[in-house]
Amino acid sequence: MSQDLFAVLFGDPFAVMNTIGLVAFALVGSSKAIREEFDLLGITIVGLAMAFAGGATRDLLVTRTPLALQSPIEISLGLLGVGLAISLSVVLPQPDTHPISLVADAIGLAAFTATGAIVASGADVSAFGVVAIATINAVGGGALADILLDRAPFILFEDFYASCAVLGAVAYLVAGVLGAAGGTAAGICAGVTVGTRLVAVTYDWHLPSIQDLGLMNR
């Protein structure tokens, strides 16, 4: 039986990815709220919403109580991310667009894609279900954060973002089919997601709209 390299190096893959995702997304969401000049409560709410909304939706889809309601550690990790965002705002004029936040966002996207894939595969859903739940886990928090910031969720109309989660989830499935252990598959999933996201940011990748394709009468 093949040994799970990821589990050997890092322990429980879900716990590792979940911890990374919560801190990273709370930081990103709070940074966006700081840019919009929200008060401290508003900053905290947006940060925690971005950190927990995707995972809560994931848990409801697989009919289990959201982890955020089960353990104070989850909330503590989210608050850590909020605190980091506030600290960054002291030294950076625009923390939400700084490379630190952009990389944190990519890392959070990758981590939550992996946790979504792990949970979905454990719930015995179809391959489509694994991809769908992993993607919802990854982008659901960001969509809610944008709504709280009174703007349309950017994953619907710009940037190559949710597509990275889809590719990562597909990589998780392919790795599993090829015999990779669960933790190794999760590591591959996260690697594909964060890699494609960082490349997309670097080269300004976007999915085309109908207008871009010239399919709409003007």
N, C-alpha and C. Protein backbone atom coordinates (compact mmCIF):
# COMPACT_ATOMS: atom_id res chain seq x y z
N MET A 1 0.85 -1.19 0.00
CA MET A 1 0.00 0.00 0.00
C MET A 1 0.89 1.24 0.00
N SER A 2 0.58 2.19 -0.89
CA SER A 2 1.39 3.40 -0.98
C SER A 2 1.23 4.24 0.28
N GLN A 3 2.33 4.83 0.70
CA GLN A 3 2.31 5.66 1.89
C GLN A 3 1.85 7.07 1.55
N ASP A 4 1.07 7.68 2.41
CA ASP A 4 0.54 9.02 2.18
C ASP A 4 1.59 10.03 2.61
N LEU A 5 2.36 10.53 1.64
CA LEU A 5 3.47 11.43 1.94
C LEU A 5 3.00 12.69 2.64
N PHE A 6 1.89 13.26 2.17
CA PHE A 6 1.39 14.50 2.78
C PHE A 6 1.06 14.28 4.25
N ALA A 7 0.39 13.18 4.56
CA ALA A 7 0.01 12.90 5.94
C ALA A 7 1.24 12.68 6.82
N VAL A 8 2.27 12.05 6.25
CA VAL A 8 3.50 11.82 7.01
C VAL A 8 4.18 13.14 7.36
N LEU A 9 4.21 14.07 6.39
CA LEU A 9 4.90 15.33 6.60
C LEU A 9 4.11 16.32 7.44
N PHE A 10 2.81 16.35 7.26
CA PHE A 10 2.02 17.43 7.85
C PHE A 10 0.90 16.97 8.78
N GLY A 11 0.67 15.68 8.91
CA GLY A 11 -0.42 15.21 9.76
C GLY A 11 -1.74 15.16 9.00
N ASP A 12 -2.83 15.43 9.69
CA ASP A 12 -4.17 15.36 9.10
C ASP A 12 -4.29 16.40 7.98
N PRO A 13 -4.46 15.97 6.72
CA PRO A 13 -4.50 16.95 5.62
C PRO A 13 -5.67 17.91 5.72
N PHE A 14 -6.83 17.43 6.22
CA PHE A 14 -7.97 18.33 6.34
C PHE A 14 -7.68 19.43 7.35
N ALA A 15 -7.14 19.06 8.51
CA ALA A 15 -6.86 20.05 9.56
C ALA A 15 -5.85 21.08 9.08
N VAL A 16 -4.83 20.63 8.37
CA VAL A 16 -3.81 21.56 7.88
C VAL A 16 -4.41 22.53 6.88
N MET A 17 -5.12 22.00 5.88
CA MET A 17 -5.70 22.86 4.84
C MET A 17 -6.76 23.79 5.42
N ASN A 18 -7.55 23.28 6.35
CA ASN A 18 -8.60 24.10 6.95
C ASN A 18 -8.01 25.26 7.75
N THR A 19 -6.96 24.99 8.49
CA THR A 19 -6.30 26.05 9.26
C THR A 19 -5.75 27.14 8.34
N ILE A 20 -5.06 26.72 7.30
CA ILE A 20 -4.50 27.68 6.34
C ILE A 20 -5.59 28.50 5.69
N GLY A 21 -6.66 27.83 5.27
CA GLY A 21 -7.75 28.53 4.58
C GLY A 21 -8.46 29.53 5.46
N LEU A 22 -8.72 29.17 6.69
CA LEU A 22 -9.43 30.08 7.59
C LEU A 22 -8.64 31.36 7.85
N VAL A 23 -7.37 31.22 8.16
CA VAL A 23 -6.55 32.40 8.45
C VAL A 23 -6.39 33.26 7.19
N ALA A 24 -6.12 32.61 6.06
CA ALA A 24 -5.87 33.36 4.82
C ALA A 24 -7.11 34.11 4.37
N PHE A 25 -8.26 33.45 4.37
CA PHE A 25 -9.47 34.11 3.87
C PHE A 25 -9.99 35.16 4.84
N ALA A 26 -9.82 34.95 6.14
CA ALA A 26 -10.22 35.99 7.10
C ALA A 26 -9.36 37.23 6.90
N LEU A 27 -8.09 37.04 6.60
CA LEU A 27 -7.19 38.16 6.33
C LEU A 27 -7.64 38.92 5.08
N VAL A 28 -7.95 38.17 4.02
CA VAL A 28 -8.33 38.81 2.75
C VAL A 28 -9.66 39.55 2.89
N GLY A 29 -10.65 38.90 3.50
CA GLY A 29 -11.95 39.54 3.66
C GLY A 29 -11.88 40.78 4.52
N SER A 30 -11.13 40.71 5.60
CA SER A 30 -10.97 41.88 6.47
C SER A 30 -10.25 43.01 5.76
N SER A 31 -9.27 42.67 4.93
CA SER A 31 -8.53 43.70 4.19
C SER A 31 -9.46 44.45 3.23
N LYS A 32 -10.38 43.72 2.61
CA LYS A 32 -11.35 44.37 1.72
C LYS A 32 -12.25 45.32 2.51
N ALA A 33 -12.67 44.89 3.68
CA ALA A 33 -13.54 45.74 4.51
C ALA A 33 -12.79 46.97 5.00
N ILE A 34 -11.53 46.82 5.32
CA ILE A 34 -10.72 47.97 5.74
C ILE A 34 -10.62 48.98 4.60
N ARG A 35 -10.45 48.48 3.38
CA ARG A 35 -10.37 49.38 2.22
C ARG A 35 -11.67 50.18 2.06
N GLU A 36 -12.80 49.57 2.40
CA GLU A 36 -14.10 50.25 2.29
C GLU A 36 -14.43 51.08 3.52
N GLU A 37 -13.47 51.18 4.45
CA GLU A 37 -13.60 51.99 5.66
C GLU A 37 -14.73 51.50 6.59
N PHE A 38 -14.89 50.19 6.70
CA PHE A 38 -15.83 49.62 7.67
C PHE A 38 -15.27 49.84 9.08
N ASP A 39 -16.18 49.82 10.06
CA ASP A 39 -15.70 49.90 11.45
C ASP A 39 -15.18 48.53 11.88
N LEU A 40 -14.69 48.44 13.12
CA LEU A 40 -14.05 47.20 13.56
C LEU A 40 -15.00 46.01 13.54
N LEU A 41 -16.27 46.25 13.90
CA LEU A 41 -17.23 45.15 13.86
C LEU A 41 -17.46 44.72 12.43
N GLY A 42 -17.62 45.68 11.53
CA GLY A 42 -17.83 45.35 10.13
C GLY A 42 -16.66 44.59 9.53
N ILE A 43 -15.44 45.02 9.89
CA ILE A 43 -14.24 44.33 9.42
C ILE A 43 -14.24 42.88 9.88
N THR A 44 -14.59 42.68 11.14
CA THR A 44 -14.61 41.32 11.69
C THR A 44 -15.68 40.46 11.02
N ILE A 45 -16.85 41.03 10.80
CA ILE A 45 -17.95 40.28 10.19
C ILE A 45 -17.58 39.86 8.77
N VAL A 46 -17.05 40.79 7.99
CA VAL A 46 -16.69 40.45 6.61
C VAL A 46 -15.57 39.41 6.58
N GLY A 47 -14.58 39.58 7.45
CA GLY A 47 -13.49 38.62 7.50
C GLY A 47 -13.96 37.23 7.87
N LEU A 48 -14.81 37.12 8.89
CA LEU A 48 -15.30 35.81 9.31
C LEU A 48 -16.27 35.23 8.27
N ALA A 49 -17.03 36.09 7.63
CA ALA A 49 -17.94 35.60 6.58
C ALA A 49 -17.15 34.97 5.44
N MET A 50 -16.08 35.63 5.03
CA MET A 50 -15.26 35.06 3.95
C MET A 50 -14.60 33.77 4.38
N ALA A 51 -14.20 33.69 5.65
CA ALA A 51 -13.53 32.49 6.15
C ALA A 51 -14.48 31.30 6.30
N PHE A 52 -15.74 31.56 6.70
CA PHE A 52 -16.60 30.46 7.10
C PHE A 52 -17.77 30.13 6.16
N ALA A 53 -18.17 31.05 5.31
CA ALA A 53 -19.38 30.82 4.51
C ALA A 53 -19.25 29.63 3.58
N GLY A 54 -18.10 29.51 2.92
CA GLY A 54 -17.92 28.39 2.00
C GLY A 54 -17.94 27.05 2.71
N GLY A 55 -17.24 26.97 3.84
CA GLY A 55 -17.20 25.72 4.58
C GLY A 55 -18.54 25.36 5.19
N ALA A 56 -19.28 26.37 5.66
CA ALA A 56 -20.61 26.10 6.23
C ALA A 56 -21.54 25.57 5.16
N THR A 57 -21.48 26.14 3.96
CA THR A 57 -22.30 25.64 2.85
C THR A 57 -21.91 24.22 2.49
N ARG A 58 -20.62 23.96 2.46
CA ARG A 58 -20.13 22.59 2.21
C ARG A 58 -20.70 21.60 3.20
N ASP A 59 -20.63 21.96 4.49
CA ASP A 59 -21.11 21.05 5.52
C ASP A 59 -22.61 20.82 5.42
N LEU A 60 -23.36 21.85 5.11
CA LEU A 60 -24.81 21.69 4.95
C LEU A 60 -25.13 20.78 3.76
N LEU A 61 -24.33 20.86 2.70
CA LEU A 61 -24.57 20.02 1.52
C LEU A 61 -24.32 18.54 1.81
N VAL A 62 -23.43 18.26 2.77
CA VAL A 62 -23.17 16.86 3.13
C VAL A 62 -23.86 16.50 4.44
N THR A 63 -24.83 17.34 4.82
CA THR A 63 -25.71 17.11 5.99
C THR A 63 -24.95 16.88 7.29
N ARG A 64 -24.07 17.82 7.62
CA ARG A 64 -23.43 17.77 8.93
C ARG A 64 -23.38 19.19 9.50
N THR A 65 -23.27 19.28 10.82
CA THR A 65 -23.22 20.58 11.47
C THR A 65 -21.94 21.31 11.07
N PRO A 66 -22.05 22.56 10.63
CA PRO A 66 -20.84 23.31 10.24
C PRO A 66 -19.80 23.31 11.35
N LEU A 67 -18.54 23.12 10.95
CA LEU A 67 -17.46 23.05 11.92
C LEU A 67 -17.33 24.32 12.74
N ALA A 68 -17.68 25.46 12.13
CA ALA A 68 -17.57 26.74 12.85
C ALA A 68 -18.44 26.77 14.09
N LEU A 69 -19.49 25.93 14.12
CA LEU A 69 -20.39 25.88 15.26
C LEU A 69 -20.01 24.79 16.26
N GLN A 70 -18.97 24.04 15.95
CA GLN A 70 -18.60 22.93 16.80
C GLN A 70 -17.37 23.20 17.68
N SER A 71 -16.48 24.07 17.20
CA SER A 71 -15.21 24.24 17.91
C SER A 71 -14.82 25.71 18.01
N PRO A 72 -14.44 26.17 19.20
CA PRO A 72 -13.96 27.56 19.34
C PRO A 72 -12.65 27.79 18.61
N ILE A 73 -11.93 26.72 18.31
CA ILE A 73 -10.66 26.86 17.59
C ILE A 73 -10.89 27.46 16.22
N GLU A 74 -12.00 27.05 15.57
CA GLU A 74 -12.32 27.57 14.23
C GLU A 74 -12.46 29.09 14.27
N ILE A 75 -13.24 29.59 15.22
CA ILE A 75 -13.45 31.04 15.32
C ILE A 75 -12.14 31.73 15.68
N SER A 76 -11.34 31.11 16.53
CA SER A 76 -10.06 31.70 16.92
C SER A 76 -9.14 31.87 15.71
N LEU A 77 -9.14 30.90 14.81
CA LEU A 77 -8.32 31.00 13.61
C LEU A 77 -8.81 32.13 12.71
N GLY A 78 -10.14 32.26 12.61
CA GLY A 78 -10.69 33.36 11.83
C GLY A 78 -10.32 34.71 12.42
N LEU A 79 -10.40 34.82 13.73
CA LEU A 79 -10.05 36.08 14.39
C LEU A 79 -8.56 36.38 14.25
N LEU A 80 -7.75 35.35 14.18
CA LEU A 80 -6.32 35.54 13.94
C LEU A 80 -6.10 36.21 12.58
N GLY A 81 -6.83 35.73 11.57
CA GLY A 81 -6.74 36.34 10.25
C GLY A 81 -7.20 37.78 10.25
N VAL A 82 -8.27 38.08 10.99
CA VAL A 82 -8.75 39.46 11.11
C VAL A 82 -7.67 40.33 11.75
N GLY A 83 -7.06 39.84 12.80
CA GLY A 83 -6.01 40.59 13.48
C GLY A 83 -4.81 40.85 12.57
N LEU A 84 -4.45 39.87 11.77
CA LEU A 84 -3.34 40.06 10.83
C LEU A 84 -3.67 41.14 9.80
N ALA A 85 -4.93 41.15 9.33
CA ALA A 85 -5.34 42.16 8.36
C ALA A 85 -5.25 43.56 8.97
N ILE A 86 -5.72 43.70 10.19
CA ILE A 86 -5.66 45.00 10.86
C ILE A 86 -4.21 45.42 11.05
N SER A 87 -3.34 44.48 11.40
CA SER A 87 -1.92 44.80 11.57
C SER A 87 -1.29 45.25 10.26
N LEU A 88 -1.65 44.56 9.16
CA LEU A 88 -1.11 44.94 7.86
C LEU A 88 -1.57 46.33 7.45
N SER A 89 -2.82 46.67 7.81
CA SER A 89 -3.36 47.98 7.41
C SER A 89 -2.61 49.14 8.07
N VAL A 90 -1.92 48.84 9.17
CA VAL A 90 -1.15 49.88 9.86
C VAL A 90 0.09 50.26 9.06
N VAL A 91 0.65 49.27 8.33
CA VAL A 91 1.91 49.51 7.62
C VAL A 91 1.75 49.59 6.11
N LEU A 92 0.57 49.16 5.58
CA LEU A 92 0.34 49.17 4.14
C LEU A 92 -0.85 50.07 3.81
N PRO A 93 -0.73 50.95 2.83
CA PRO A 93 -1.83 51.86 2.50
C PRO A 93 -3.03 51.16 1.87
N GLN A 94 -2.80 50.11 1.10
CA GLN A 94 -3.87 49.37 0.43
C GLN A 94 -3.63 47.88 0.61
N PRO A 95 -3.90 47.36 1.80
CA PRO A 95 -3.55 45.96 2.08
C PRO A 95 -4.29 44.95 1.21
N ASP A 96 -5.50 45.29 0.73
CA ASP A 96 -6.26 44.31 -0.04
C ASP A 96 -5.67 44.06 -1.43
N THR A 97 -4.90 45.01 -1.96
CA THR A 97 -4.28 44.82 -3.28
C THR A 97 -2.78 44.56 -3.19
N HIS A 98 -2.24 44.48 -1.99
CA HIS A 98 -0.82 44.20 -1.81
C HIS A 98 -0.54 42.73 -2.17
N PRO A 99 0.66 42.44 -2.70
CA PRO A 99 1.00 41.04 -3.01
C PRO A 99 0.79 40.07 -1.86
N ILE A 100 0.96 40.53 -0.63
CA ILE A 100 0.73 39.65 0.52
C ILE A 100 -0.71 39.14 0.52
N SER A 101 -1.67 40.05 0.31
CA SER A 101 -3.08 39.66 0.30
C SER A 101 -3.42 38.82 -0.92
N LEU A 102 -2.82 39.15 -2.07
CA LEU A 102 -3.09 38.38 -3.29
C LEU A 102 -2.59 36.95 -3.15
N VAL A 103 -1.42 36.79 -2.56
CA VAL A 103 -0.89 35.44 -2.34
C VAL A 103 -1.73 34.71 -1.29
N ALA A 104 -2.10 35.42 -0.21
CA ALA A 104 -2.94 34.81 0.82
C ALA A 104 -4.27 34.34 0.23
N ASP A 105 -4.83 35.14 -0.67
CA ASP A 105 -6.09 34.76 -1.31
C ASP A 105 -5.91 33.49 -2.13
N ALA A 106 -4.81 33.40 -2.88
CA ALA A 106 -4.54 32.20 -3.68
C ALA A 106 -4.35 30.98 -2.79
N ILE A 107 -3.66 31.17 -1.67
CA ILE A 107 -3.43 30.07 -0.74
C ILE A 107 -4.75 29.63 -0.10
N GLY A 108 -5.57 30.61 0.30
CA GLY A 108 -6.87 30.26 0.88
C GLY A 108 -7.75 29.53 -0.11
N LEU A 109 -7.74 29.99 -1.35
CA LEU A 109 -8.52 29.33 -2.40
C LEU A 109 -8.09 27.88 -2.56
N ALA A 110 -6.78 27.67 -2.58
CA ALA A 110 -6.26 26.31 -2.74
C ALA A 110 -6.59 25.43 -1.54
N ALA A 111 -6.41 25.98 -0.35
CA ALA A 111 -6.67 25.20 0.87
C ALA A 111 -8.14 24.79 0.96
N PHE A 112 -9.04 25.71 0.65
CA PHE A 112 -10.46 25.39 0.76
C PHE A 112 -10.95 24.52 -0.38
N THR A 113 -10.31 24.59 -1.54
CA THR A 113 -10.63 23.63 -2.60
C THR A 113 -10.29 22.22 -2.13
N ALA A 114 -9.14 22.09 -1.48
CA ALA A 114 -8.72 20.77 -1.00
C ALA A 114 -9.63 20.26 0.11
N THR A 115 -9.99 21.13 1.08
CA THR A 115 -10.86 20.66 2.17
C THR A 115 -12.23 20.27 1.63
N GLY A 116 -12.73 21.04 0.67
CA GLY A 116 -14.02 20.69 0.07
C GLY A 116 -13.97 19.35 -0.63
N ALA A 117 -12.86 19.09 -1.35
CA ALA A 117 -12.72 17.81 -2.05
C ALA A 117 -12.61 16.65 -1.06
N ILE A 118 -11.89 16.87 0.04
CA ILE A 118 -11.75 15.81 1.05
C ILE A 118 -13.11 15.46 1.66
N VAL A 119 -13.85 16.48 2.06
CA VAL A 119 -15.16 16.24 2.68
C VAL A 119 -16.13 15.60 1.70
N ALA A 120 -16.15 16.10 0.48
CA ALA A 120 -17.08 15.57 -0.52
C ALA A 120 -16.78 14.12 -0.87
N SER A 121 -15.50 13.79 -1.00
CA SER A 121 -15.15 12.40 -1.32
C SER A 121 -15.50 11.47 -0.17
N GLY A 122 -15.40 11.98 1.06
CA GLY A 122 -15.79 11.18 2.21
C GLY A 122 -17.28 11.00 2.34
N ALA A 123 -18.06 11.86 1.67
CA ALA A 123 -19.52 11.77 1.72
C ALA A 123 -20.07 10.90 0.59
N ASP A 124 -19.18 10.30 -0.19
CA ASP A 124 -19.58 9.39 -1.26
C ASP A 124 -20.49 10.04 -2.30
N VAL A 125 -20.19 11.29 -2.66
CA VAL A 125 -20.95 11.92 -3.74
C VAL A 125 -20.27 11.58 -5.07
N SER A 126 -20.91 11.96 -6.15
CA SER A 126 -20.36 11.68 -7.48
C SER A 126 -19.13 12.54 -7.75
N ALA A 127 -18.46 12.25 -8.86
CA ALA A 127 -17.31 13.06 -9.25
C ALA A 127 -17.72 14.52 -9.46
N PHE A 128 -18.89 14.72 -10.08
CA PHE A 128 -19.39 16.09 -10.24
C PHE A 128 -19.62 16.73 -8.88
N GLY A 129 -20.15 15.95 -7.93
CA GLY A 129 -20.40 16.46 -6.59
C GLY A 129 -19.11 16.89 -5.91
N VAL A 130 -18.04 16.14 -6.09
CA VAL A 130 -16.75 16.51 -5.50
C VAL A 130 -16.28 17.85 -6.05
N VAL A 131 -16.34 18.01 -7.36
CA VAL A 131 -15.90 19.26 -7.99
C VAL A 131 -16.80 20.42 -7.54
N ALA A 132 -18.11 20.18 -7.52
CA ALA A 132 -19.04 21.25 -7.15
C ALA A 132 -18.84 21.69 -5.70
N ILE A 133 -18.76 20.74 -4.79
CA ILE A 133 -18.62 21.07 -3.37
C ILE A 133 -17.26 21.71 -3.09
N ALA A 134 -16.21 21.21 -3.74
CA ALA A 134 -14.89 21.81 -3.56
C ALA A 134 -14.88 23.25 -4.04
N THR A 135 -15.54 23.50 -5.17
CA THR A 135 -15.57 24.87 -5.71
C THR A 135 -16.40 25.79 -4.83
N ILE A 136 -17.54 25.31 -4.36
CA ILE A 136 -18.37 26.11 -3.46
C ILE A 136 -17.62 26.43 -2.17
N ASN A 137 -16.93 25.43 -1.64
CA ASN A 137 -16.13 25.65 -0.42
C ASN A 137 -15.08 26.74 -0.65
N ALA A 138 -14.50 26.74 -1.85
CA ALA A 138 -13.41 27.67 -2.15
C ALA A 138 -13.87 29.09 -2.42
N VAL A 139 -15.02 29.26 -3.09
CA VAL A 139 -15.41 30.60 -3.54
C VAL A 139 -16.64 31.15 -2.82
N GLY A 140 -17.32 30.32 -2.04
CA GLY A 140 -18.54 30.78 -1.38
C GLY A 140 -18.31 31.92 -0.41
N GLY A 141 -17.23 31.86 0.35
CA GLY A 141 -16.95 32.92 1.30
C GLY A 141 -16.65 34.24 0.63
N GLY A 142 -15.89 34.20 -0.45
CA GLY A 142 -15.58 35.42 -1.18
C GLY A 142 -16.81 36.06 -1.79
N ALA A 143 -17.73 35.21 -2.28
CA ALA A 143 -18.98 35.73 -2.86
C ALA A 143 -19.80 36.45 -1.80
N LEU A 144 -19.92 35.85 -0.60
CA LEU A 144 -20.68 36.49 0.47
C LEU A 144 -20.00 37.78 0.93
N ALA A 145 -18.68 37.77 1.00
CA ALA A 145 -17.96 38.97 1.40
C ALA A 145 -18.23 40.11 0.43
N ASP A 146 -18.25 39.81 -0.86
CA ASP A 146 -18.54 40.85 -1.85
C ASP A 146 -19.95 41.40 -1.68
N ILE A 147 -20.91 40.53 -1.38
CA ILE A 147 -22.28 40.99 -1.15
C ILE A 147 -22.34 41.92 0.05
N LEU A 148 -21.63 41.56 1.13
CA LEU A 148 -21.58 42.42 2.31
C LEU A 148 -20.91 43.75 2.01
N LEU A 149 -20.02 43.75 1.03
CA LEU A 149 -19.34 44.98 0.62
C LEU A 149 -20.13 45.75 -0.43
N ASP A 150 -21.36 45.29 -0.70
CA ASP A 150 -22.28 45.96 -1.62
C ASP A 150 -21.75 46.01 -3.05
N ARG A 151 -21.24 44.85 -3.49
CA ARG A 151 -20.83 44.75 -4.88
C ARG A 151 -21.10 43.35 -5.39
N ALA A 152 -21.25 43.22 -6.70
CA ALA A 152 -21.52 41.91 -7.29
C ALA A 152 -20.32 40.99 -7.07
N PRO A 153 -20.54 39.73 -6.72
CA PRO A 153 -19.42 38.80 -6.53
C PRO A 153 -18.54 38.76 -7.77
N PHE A 154 -17.27 39.05 -7.59
CA PHE A 154 -16.39 39.20 -8.76
C PHE A 154 -16.17 37.87 -9.47
N ILE A 155 -16.44 36.75 -8.81
CA ILE A 155 -16.24 35.46 -9.48
C ILE A 155 -17.23 35.27 -10.63
N LEU A 156 -18.27 36.11 -10.69
CA LEU A 156 -19.29 35.95 -11.73
C LEU A 156 -18.98 36.72 -13.01
N PHE A 157 -18.06 37.68 -12.93
CA PHE A 157 -17.90 38.51 -14.12
C PHE A 157 -16.46 38.92 -14.43
N GLU A 158 -15.52 38.57 -13.62
CA GLU A 158 -14.14 38.93 -13.94
C GLU A 158 -13.18 37.97 -13.27
N ASP A 159 -11.98 37.95 -13.82
CA ASP A 159 -10.87 37.21 -13.23
C ASP A 159 -10.99 35.69 -13.45
N PHE A 160 -9.85 35.03 -13.43
CA PHE A 160 -9.76 33.57 -13.54
C PHE A 160 -9.59 33.06 -12.12
N TYR A 161 -10.72 32.79 -11.45
CA TYR A 161 -10.68 32.52 -10.01
C TYR A 161 -11.36 31.19 -9.67
N ALA A 162 -12.67 31.14 -9.84
CA ALA A 162 -13.38 29.90 -9.56
C ALA A 162 -12.86 28.77 -10.45
N SER A 163 -12.44 29.13 -11.66
CA SER A 163 -11.90 28.12 -12.58
C SER A 163 -10.69 27.41 -11.99
N CYS A 164 -9.90 28.13 -11.20
CA CYS A 164 -8.74 27.52 -10.55
C CYS A 164 -9.18 26.43 -9.57
N ALA A 165 -10.27 26.70 -8.85
CA ALA A 165 -10.80 25.70 -7.91
C ALA A 165 -11.32 24.48 -8.65
N VAL A 166 -11.98 24.71 -9.77
CA VAL A 166 -12.47 23.59 -10.58
C VAL A 166 -11.31 22.73 -11.05
N LEU A 167 -10.26 23.35 -11.54
CA LEU A 167 -9.09 22.60 -12.01
C LEU A 167 -8.43 21.83 -10.86
N GLY A 168 -8.36 22.46 -9.69
CA GLY A 168 -7.79 21.79 -8.53
C GLY A 168 -8.60 20.58 -8.11
N ALA A 169 -9.92 20.73 -8.12
CA ALA A 169 -10.79 19.61 -7.74
C ALA A 169 -10.68 18.46 -8.74
N VAL A 170 -10.59 18.80 -10.02
CA VAL A 170 -10.40 17.76 -11.04
C VAL A 170 -9.06 17.05 -10.83
N ALA A 171 -8.03 17.81 -10.48
CA ALA A 171 -6.72 17.21 -10.21
C ALA A 171 -6.80 16.25 -9.02
N TYR A 172 -7.61 16.60 -8.01
CA TYR A 172 -7.81 15.72 -6.86
C TYR A 172 -8.42 14.39 -7.31
N LEU A 173 -9.43 14.46 -8.16
CA LEU A 173 -10.09 13.24 -8.65
C LEU A 173 -9.13 12.39 -9.48
N VAL A 174 -8.38 13.05 -10.36
CA VAL A 174 -7.45 12.32 -11.22
C VAL A 174 -6.37 11.65 -10.37
N ALA A 175 -5.86 12.38 -9.38
CA ALA A 175 -4.85 11.80 -8.49
C ALA A 175 -5.39 10.57 -7.77
N GLY A 176 -6.65 10.65 -7.34
CA GLY A 176 -7.26 9.51 -6.67
C GLY A 176 -7.41 8.31 -7.59
N VAL A 177 -7.81 8.57 -8.83
CA VAL A 177 -7.96 7.49 -9.81
C VAL A 177 -6.62 6.82 -10.09
N LEU A 178 -5.55 7.62 -10.07
CA LEU A 178 -4.21 7.08 -10.34
C LEU A 178 -3.59 6.41 -9.12
N GLY A 179 -4.33 6.39 -8.01
CA GLY A 179 -3.86 5.66 -6.84
C GLY A 179 -3.21 6.47 -5.74
N ALA A 180 -3.24 7.79 -5.86
CA ALA A 180 -2.65 8.62 -4.81
C ALA A 180 -3.49 8.53 -3.54
N ALA A 181 -2.82 8.52 -2.39
CA ALA A 181 -3.54 8.51 -1.11
C ALA A 181 -4.25 9.84 -0.92
N GLY A 182 -5.19 9.87 0.04
CA GLY A 182 -6.03 11.05 0.22
C GLY A 182 -5.26 12.33 0.48
N GLY A 183 -4.28 12.28 1.38
CA GLY A 183 -3.51 13.48 1.69
C GLY A 183 -2.66 13.94 0.52
N THR A 184 -2.09 12.98 -0.21
CA THR A 184 -1.30 13.33 -1.39
C THR A 184 -2.17 13.95 -2.46
N ALA A 185 -3.37 13.40 -2.66
CA ALA A 185 -4.31 13.97 -3.62
C ALA A 185 -4.69 15.39 -3.22
N ALA A 186 -4.87 15.61 -1.91
CA ALA A 186 -5.20 16.95 -1.42
C ALA A 186 -4.06 17.92 -1.69
N GLY A 187 -2.81 17.46 -1.49
CA GLY A 187 -1.66 18.31 -1.77
C GLY A 187 -1.56 18.66 -3.25
N ILE A 188 -1.85 17.69 -4.12
CA ILE A 188 -1.84 17.95 -5.55
C ILE A 188 -2.94 18.94 -5.92
N CYS A 189 -4.10 18.74 -5.33
CA CYS A 189 -5.24 19.65 -5.55
C CYS A 189 -4.86 21.09 -5.18
N ALA A 190 -4.29 21.26 -4.00
CA ALA A 190 -3.90 22.59 -3.54
C ALA A 190 -2.82 23.19 -4.43
N GLY A 191 -1.87 22.36 -4.85
CA GLY A 191 -0.78 22.84 -5.70
C GLY A 191 -1.28 23.32 -7.04
N VAL A 192 -2.19 22.57 -7.65
CA VAL A 192 -2.74 22.97 -8.95
C VAL A 192 -3.54 24.26 -8.79
N THR A 193 -4.34 24.34 -7.73
CA THR A 193 -5.18 25.53 -7.53
C THR A 193 -4.35 26.78 -7.31
N VAL A 194 -3.41 26.73 -6.38
CA VAL A 194 -2.61 27.92 -6.09
C VAL A 194 -1.72 28.27 -7.27
N GLY A 195 -1.20 27.27 -7.97
CA GLY A 195 -0.34 27.54 -9.11
C GLY A 195 -1.08 28.24 -10.24
N THR A 196 -2.26 27.73 -10.59
CA THR A 196 -3.02 28.36 -11.67
C THR A 196 -3.50 29.75 -11.28
N ARG A 197 -3.83 29.92 -10.01
CA ARG A 197 -4.30 31.24 -9.57
C ARG A 197 -3.17 32.27 -9.63
N LEU A 198 -1.99 31.91 -9.18
CA LEU A 198 -0.88 32.85 -9.22
C LEU A 198 -0.47 33.18 -10.66
N VAL A 199 -0.52 32.19 -11.53
CA VAL A 199 -0.23 32.44 -12.94
C VAL A 199 -1.30 33.36 -13.53
N ALA A 200 -2.57 33.12 -13.16
CA ALA A 200 -3.66 33.96 -13.67
C ALA A 200 -3.49 35.41 -13.23
N VAL A 201 -3.08 35.61 -11.98
CA VAL A 201 -2.86 36.97 -11.49
C VAL A 201 -1.68 37.61 -12.22
N THR A 202 -0.62 36.85 -12.41
CA THR A 202 0.59 37.37 -13.05
C THR A 202 0.32 37.81 -14.49
N TYR A 203 -0.44 36.99 -15.22
CA TYR A 203 -0.66 37.25 -16.65
C TYR A 203 -2.05 37.81 -16.95
N ASP A 204 -2.79 38.16 -15.89
CA ASP A 204 -4.10 38.80 -16.04
C ASP A 204 -5.05 37.96 -16.89
N TRP A 205 -5.17 36.69 -16.55
CA TRP A 205 -6.09 35.81 -17.27
C TRP A 205 -7.54 36.14 -16.92
N HIS A 206 -8.41 36.07 -17.90
CA HIS A 206 -9.85 36.24 -17.71
C HIS A 206 -10.59 35.27 -18.62
N LEU A 207 -11.71 34.78 -18.16
CA LEU A 207 -12.58 34.04 -19.06
C LEU A 207 -13.31 35.05 -19.95
N PRO A 208 -13.52 34.71 -21.22
CA PRO A 208 -14.18 35.67 -22.13
C PRO A 208 -15.67 35.80 -21.84
N SER A 209 -16.20 36.98 -22.09
CA SER A 209 -17.64 37.19 -22.03
C SER A 209 -18.23 37.01 -23.42
N ILE A 210 -19.55 37.02 -23.52
CA ILE A 210 -20.21 36.94 -24.82
C ILE A 210 -19.77 38.11 -25.71
N GLN A 211 -19.64 39.27 -25.09
CA GLN A 211 -19.22 40.45 -25.84
C GLN A 211 -17.79 40.27 -26.37
N ASP A 212 -16.90 39.68 -25.55
CA ASP A 212 -15.53 39.47 -25.98
C ASP A 212 -15.47 38.52 -27.18
N LEU A 213 -16.37 37.56 -27.21
CA LEU A 213 -16.38 36.58 -28.29
C LEU A 213 -17.07 37.10 -29.55
N GLY A 214 -17.67 38.29 -29.45
CA GLY A 214 -18.36 38.88 -30.60
C GLY A 214 -19.62 38.15 -31.01
N LEU A 215 -20.27 37.50 -30.04
CA LEU A 215 -21.48 36.72 -30.34
C LEU A 215 -22.77 37.50 -30.10
N MET A 216 -22.64 38.73 -29.68
CA MET A 216 -23.82 39.51 -29.33
C MET A 216 -23.94 40.72 -30.25
N ASN A 217 -25.16 40.93 -30.79
CA ASN A 217 -25.38 42.09 -31.64
C ASN A 217 -25.29 43.36 -30.81
N ARG A 218 -24.57 44.33 -31.29
CA ARG A 218 -24.37 45.57 -30.56
C ARG A 218 -25.34 46.64 -31.09
